[in-house]
Amino acid sequence: KQADTAPVLRPIPEVPAVKQMFIHVKNTDDHESLTALRQLCAKHPGIDQVVLVLGEEKKSAIKLPFNVEADGTLIGELVKLLGEDCVVIK
C-alpha cells in the first residue's frame, strides 16, 4: 500500500512574463495626449510595466507608478494616439 503515501503532483500554474511597455512622448507639452495616455492605461490594468520616454531626443525616461495589460487593444489605441513608432514592448 505504498501508493497511498505518494505525493500528489499538481501542475504549476503558468506565471506570465512581465513585459515593459515603452511609450515615447515626443511633445511633452501636449497635455491632451498625456491625459489621454493616462486614461487609456487606466482602462487596461495588468502586470506589465509602463515606461514613458520623453522628448524628441529621448533623454529622459520615467517608470510610471501603475501597471497595464500590454495587449493588442491597448497598443493599438496608443499607436493611434502617439504614432506607430512610439510604442515598444520589451
N, C-alpha and C. Protein backbone atom coordinates (compact mmCIF):
# COMPACT_ATOMS: atom_id res chain seq x y z
N LYS A 1 0.83 -1.20 0.00
CA LYS A 1 0.00 0.00 0.00
C LYS A 1 0.87 1.26 0.00
N GLN A 2 1.89 1.25 -0.78
CA GLN A 2 2.77 2.41 -0.81
C GLN A 2 2.18 3.56 -1.65
N ALA A 3 1.27 3.26 -2.55
CA ALA A 3 0.68 4.28 -3.42
C ALA A 3 -0.06 5.34 -2.61
N ASP A 4 -0.54 4.98 -1.41
CA ASP A 4 -1.29 5.93 -0.59
C ASP A 4 -0.42 7.09 -0.11
N THR A 5 0.87 6.86 0.04
CA THR A 5 1.74 7.90 0.59
C THR A 5 2.44 8.71 -0.50
N ALA A 6 2.21 8.37 -1.76
CA ALA A 6 2.87 9.11 -2.85
C ALA A 6 2.33 10.55 -2.88
N PRO A 7 3.22 11.52 -3.09
CA PRO A 7 2.75 12.92 -3.15
C PRO A 7 1.88 13.14 -4.38
N VAL A 8 0.92 14.01 -4.22
CA VAL A 8 0.04 14.34 -5.34
C VAL A 8 0.73 15.46 -6.13
N LEU A 9 0.97 15.18 -7.38
CA LEU A 9 1.63 16.19 -8.22
C LEU A 9 0.56 17.07 -8.88
N ARG A 10 0.71 18.35 -8.69
CA ARG A 10 -0.22 19.29 -9.32
C ARG A 10 0.55 20.12 -10.32
N PRO A 11 -0.10 20.47 -11.45
CA PRO A 11 0.61 21.32 -12.42
C PRO A 11 0.87 22.70 -11.82
N ILE A 12 2.01 23.24 -12.13
CA ILE A 12 2.34 24.58 -11.65
C ILE A 12 1.67 25.58 -12.58
N PRO A 13 0.89 26.49 -12.02
CA PRO A 13 0.24 27.46 -12.91
C PRO A 13 1.28 28.31 -13.63
N GLU A 14 1.02 28.60 -14.88
CA GLU A 14 1.97 29.40 -15.65
C GLU A 14 1.90 30.84 -15.19
N VAL A 15 3.04 31.40 -14.89
CA VAL A 15 3.10 32.79 -14.50
C VAL A 15 3.50 33.59 -15.74
N PRO A 16 2.64 34.51 -16.17
CA PRO A 16 3.00 35.26 -17.38
C PRO A 16 4.22 36.12 -17.13
N ALA A 17 5.07 36.23 -18.14
CA ALA A 17 6.27 37.06 -18.01
C ALA A 17 5.85 38.53 -17.99
N VAL A 18 6.47 39.28 -17.12
CA VAL A 18 6.17 40.71 -17.05
C VAL A 18 6.93 41.41 -18.19
N LYS A 19 6.18 42.18 -18.96
CA LYS A 19 6.78 42.91 -20.07
C LYS A 19 6.93 44.37 -19.66
N GLN A 20 7.74 45.09 -20.41
CA GLN A 20 7.84 46.53 -20.23
C GLN A 20 7.35 47.19 -21.51
N MET A 21 6.46 48.14 -21.35
CA MET A 21 5.96 48.90 -22.49
C MET A 21 6.59 50.28 -22.44
N PHE A 22 7.36 50.60 -23.48
CA PHE A 22 7.99 51.91 -23.58
C PHE A 22 7.12 52.78 -24.47
N ILE A 23 6.72 53.93 -23.95
CA ILE A 23 5.87 54.85 -24.70
C ILE A 23 6.65 56.14 -24.91
N HIS A 24 6.92 56.45 -26.17
CA HIS A 24 7.69 57.65 -26.48
C HIS A 24 6.73 58.82 -26.69
N VAL A 25 6.84 59.82 -25.82
CA VAL A 25 6.06 61.04 -25.94
C VAL A 25 7.01 62.13 -26.45
N LYS A 26 6.87 62.46 -27.74
CA LYS A 26 7.80 63.41 -28.35
C LYS A 26 7.56 64.83 -27.84
N ASN A 27 6.28 65.21 -27.77
CA ASN A 27 5.95 66.56 -27.35
C ASN A 27 5.42 66.53 -25.91
N THR A 28 6.29 66.85 -24.98
CA THR A 28 5.91 66.77 -23.55
C THR A 28 4.96 67.89 -23.14
N ASP A 29 4.77 68.88 -24.01
CA ASP A 29 3.82 69.96 -23.71
C ASP A 29 2.41 69.62 -24.18
N ASP A 30 2.26 68.49 -24.84
CA ASP A 30 0.94 68.08 -25.34
C ASP A 30 0.15 67.40 -24.21
N HIS A 31 -0.43 68.25 -23.36
CA HIS A 31 -1.12 67.73 -22.18
C HIS A 31 -2.34 66.90 -22.53
N GLU A 32 -2.95 67.19 -23.67
CA GLU A 32 -4.12 66.43 -24.11
C GLU A 32 -3.75 64.97 -24.35
N SER A 33 -2.63 64.76 -25.06
CA SER A 33 -2.16 63.39 -25.33
C SER A 33 -1.74 62.69 -24.05
N LEU A 34 -1.09 63.41 -23.16
CA LEU A 34 -0.65 62.81 -21.89
C LEU A 34 -1.85 62.39 -21.05
N THR A 35 -2.90 63.22 -21.05
CA THR A 35 -4.12 62.89 -20.31
C THR A 35 -4.79 61.67 -20.93
N ALA A 36 -4.87 61.65 -22.27
CA ALA A 36 -5.48 60.52 -22.97
C ALA A 36 -4.69 59.24 -22.71
N LEU A 37 -3.37 59.36 -22.70
CA LEU A 37 -2.48 58.23 -22.41
C LEU A 37 -2.79 57.65 -21.03
N ARG A 38 -2.90 58.51 -20.06
CA ARG A 38 -3.19 58.09 -18.68
C ARG A 38 -4.54 57.39 -18.60
N GLN A 39 -5.53 57.94 -19.29
CA GLN A 39 -6.88 57.35 -19.27
C GLN A 39 -6.89 55.98 -19.95
N LEU A 40 -6.17 55.86 -21.06
CA LEU A 40 -6.08 54.57 -21.76
C LEU A 40 -5.45 53.52 -20.86
N CYS A 41 -4.36 53.88 -20.21
CA CYS A 41 -3.67 52.94 -19.32
C CYS A 41 -4.57 52.53 -18.16
N ALA A 42 -5.35 53.46 -17.65
CA ALA A 42 -6.25 53.16 -16.53
C ALA A 42 -7.32 52.13 -16.93
N LYS A 43 -7.67 52.10 -18.22
CA LYS A 43 -8.69 51.15 -18.70
C LYS A 43 -8.13 49.75 -18.92
N HIS A 44 -6.81 49.61 -18.86
CA HIS A 44 -6.16 48.31 -19.13
C HIS A 44 -5.22 47.91 -18.00
N PRO A 45 -5.73 47.76 -16.78
CA PRO A 45 -4.84 47.39 -15.67
C PRO A 45 -4.27 45.98 -15.88
N GLY A 46 -3.04 45.78 -15.41
CA GLY A 46 -2.41 44.47 -15.56
C GLY A 46 -1.10 44.42 -14.80
N ILE A 47 -0.16 43.60 -15.30
CA ILE A 47 1.10 43.41 -14.58
C ILE A 47 2.30 44.00 -15.32
N ASP A 48 2.07 44.50 -16.54
CA ASP A 48 3.19 44.99 -17.35
C ASP A 48 3.57 46.42 -16.94
N GLN A 49 4.87 46.66 -16.93
CA GLN A 49 5.38 47.97 -16.50
C GLN A 49 5.28 48.97 -17.65
N VAL A 50 5.10 50.23 -17.28
CA VAL A 50 4.99 51.30 -18.28
C VAL A 50 6.14 52.28 -18.05
N VAL A 51 6.90 52.54 -19.12
CA VAL A 51 7.99 53.50 -19.05
C VAL A 51 7.73 54.58 -20.09
N LEU A 52 7.63 55.82 -19.62
CA LEU A 52 7.47 56.95 -20.54
C LEU A 52 8.85 57.43 -20.94
N VAL A 53 9.05 57.57 -22.24
CA VAL A 53 10.30 58.12 -22.76
C VAL A 53 9.94 59.50 -23.30
N LEU A 54 10.58 60.52 -22.75
CA LEU A 54 10.13 61.88 -23.03
C LEU A 54 11.05 62.66 -23.96
N GLY A 55 10.44 63.44 -24.85
CA GLY A 55 11.16 64.38 -25.71
C GLY A 55 11.67 63.76 -27.00
N GLU A 56 11.90 64.61 -27.98
CA GLU A 56 12.41 64.17 -29.29
C GLU A 56 13.73 63.42 -29.15
N GLU A 57 14.57 63.88 -28.24
CA GLU A 57 15.91 63.29 -28.09
C GLU A 57 15.92 62.03 -27.23
N LYS A 58 14.77 61.69 -26.64
CA LYS A 58 14.62 60.52 -25.78
C LYS A 58 15.63 60.55 -24.63
N LYS A 59 15.81 61.71 -24.02
CA LYS A 59 16.83 61.86 -22.98
C LYS A 59 16.37 61.42 -21.61
N SER A 60 15.07 61.45 -21.35
CA SER A 60 14.64 61.04 -20.01
C SER A 60 13.55 59.98 -20.10
N ALA A 61 13.57 59.09 -19.13
CA ALA A 61 12.58 58.01 -19.07
C ALA A 61 12.06 57.93 -17.64
N ILE A 62 10.76 57.71 -17.53
CA ILE A 62 10.12 57.64 -16.21
C ILE A 62 9.30 56.37 -16.14
N LYS A 63 9.57 55.55 -15.13
CA LYS A 63 8.72 54.37 -14.91
C LYS A 63 7.48 54.86 -14.18
N LEU A 64 6.32 54.57 -14.75
CA LEU A 64 5.08 55.05 -14.17
C LEU A 64 4.68 54.19 -12.96
N PRO A 65 3.94 54.79 -12.02
CA PRO A 65 3.62 54.09 -10.77
C PRO A 65 2.45 53.11 -10.88
N PHE A 66 2.05 52.75 -12.09
CA PHE A 66 0.97 51.78 -12.27
C PHE A 66 1.37 50.82 -13.38
N ASN A 67 0.69 49.69 -13.45
CA ASN A 67 0.97 48.68 -14.46
C ASN A 67 -0.24 48.49 -15.36
N VAL A 68 0.01 47.94 -16.55
CA VAL A 68 -1.06 47.75 -17.53
C VAL A 68 -1.02 46.34 -18.10
N GLU A 69 -2.06 46.00 -18.84
CA GLU A 69 -2.10 44.78 -19.65
C GLU A 69 -1.67 45.22 -21.04
N ALA A 70 -0.42 44.97 -21.39
CA ALA A 70 0.13 45.44 -22.67
C ALA A 70 -0.33 44.52 -23.80
N ASP A 71 -1.63 44.59 -24.10
CA ASP A 71 -2.19 43.72 -25.14
C ASP A 71 -2.41 44.52 -26.42
N GLY A 72 -2.87 43.82 -27.45
CA GLY A 72 -3.06 44.46 -28.75
C GLY A 72 -4.03 45.62 -28.72
N THR A 73 -5.05 45.54 -27.89
CA THR A 73 -6.04 46.61 -27.81
C THR A 73 -5.40 47.89 -27.32
N LEU A 74 -4.70 47.81 -26.20
CA LEU A 74 -4.05 49.00 -25.63
C LEU A 74 -2.99 49.53 -26.59
N ILE A 75 -2.18 48.65 -27.14
CA ILE A 75 -1.11 49.07 -28.06
C ILE A 75 -1.72 49.79 -29.27
N GLY A 76 -2.80 49.23 -29.82
CA GLY A 76 -3.47 49.85 -30.96
C GLY A 76 -3.95 51.26 -30.64
N GLU A 77 -4.55 51.43 -29.46
CA GLU A 77 -5.04 52.74 -29.05
C GLU A 77 -3.88 53.73 -28.88
N LEU A 78 -2.79 53.27 -28.29
CA LEU A 78 -1.63 54.14 -28.07
C LEU A 78 -0.97 54.53 -29.40
N VAL A 79 -0.92 53.59 -30.34
CA VAL A 79 -0.35 53.88 -31.67
C VAL A 79 -1.21 54.94 -32.37
N LYS A 80 -2.55 54.82 -32.24
CA LYS A 80 -3.44 55.82 -32.83
C LYS A 80 -3.19 57.20 -32.22
N LEU A 81 -2.95 57.20 -30.92
CA LEU A 81 -2.76 58.46 -30.19
C LEU A 81 -1.41 59.10 -30.47
N LEU A 82 -0.34 58.28 -30.46
CA LEU A 82 1.02 58.83 -30.48
C LEU A 82 1.82 58.52 -31.74
N GLY A 83 1.39 57.53 -32.51
CA GLY A 83 2.12 57.17 -33.72
C GLY A 83 2.73 55.79 -33.64
N GLU A 84 2.91 55.20 -34.82
CA GLU A 84 3.39 53.81 -34.97
C GLU A 84 4.72 53.56 -34.27
N ASP A 85 5.61 54.55 -34.29
CA ASP A 85 6.96 54.36 -33.77
C ASP A 85 7.08 54.68 -32.29
N CYS A 86 5.96 54.96 -31.63
CA CYS A 86 6.03 55.46 -30.26
C CYS A 86 5.75 54.41 -29.17
N VAL A 87 5.43 53.19 -29.56
CA VAL A 87 5.12 52.16 -28.57
C VAL A 87 5.98 50.94 -28.84
N VAL A 88 6.76 50.54 -27.82
CA VAL A 88 7.65 49.38 -27.97
C VAL A 88 7.46 48.48 -26.74
N ILE A 89 7.32 47.18 -26.98
CA ILE A 89 7.21 46.21 -25.89
C ILE A 89 8.51 45.42 -25.84
N LYS A 90 9.06 45.29 -24.63
CA LYS A 90 10.30 44.50 -24.47
C LYS A 90 10.11 43.48 -23.37
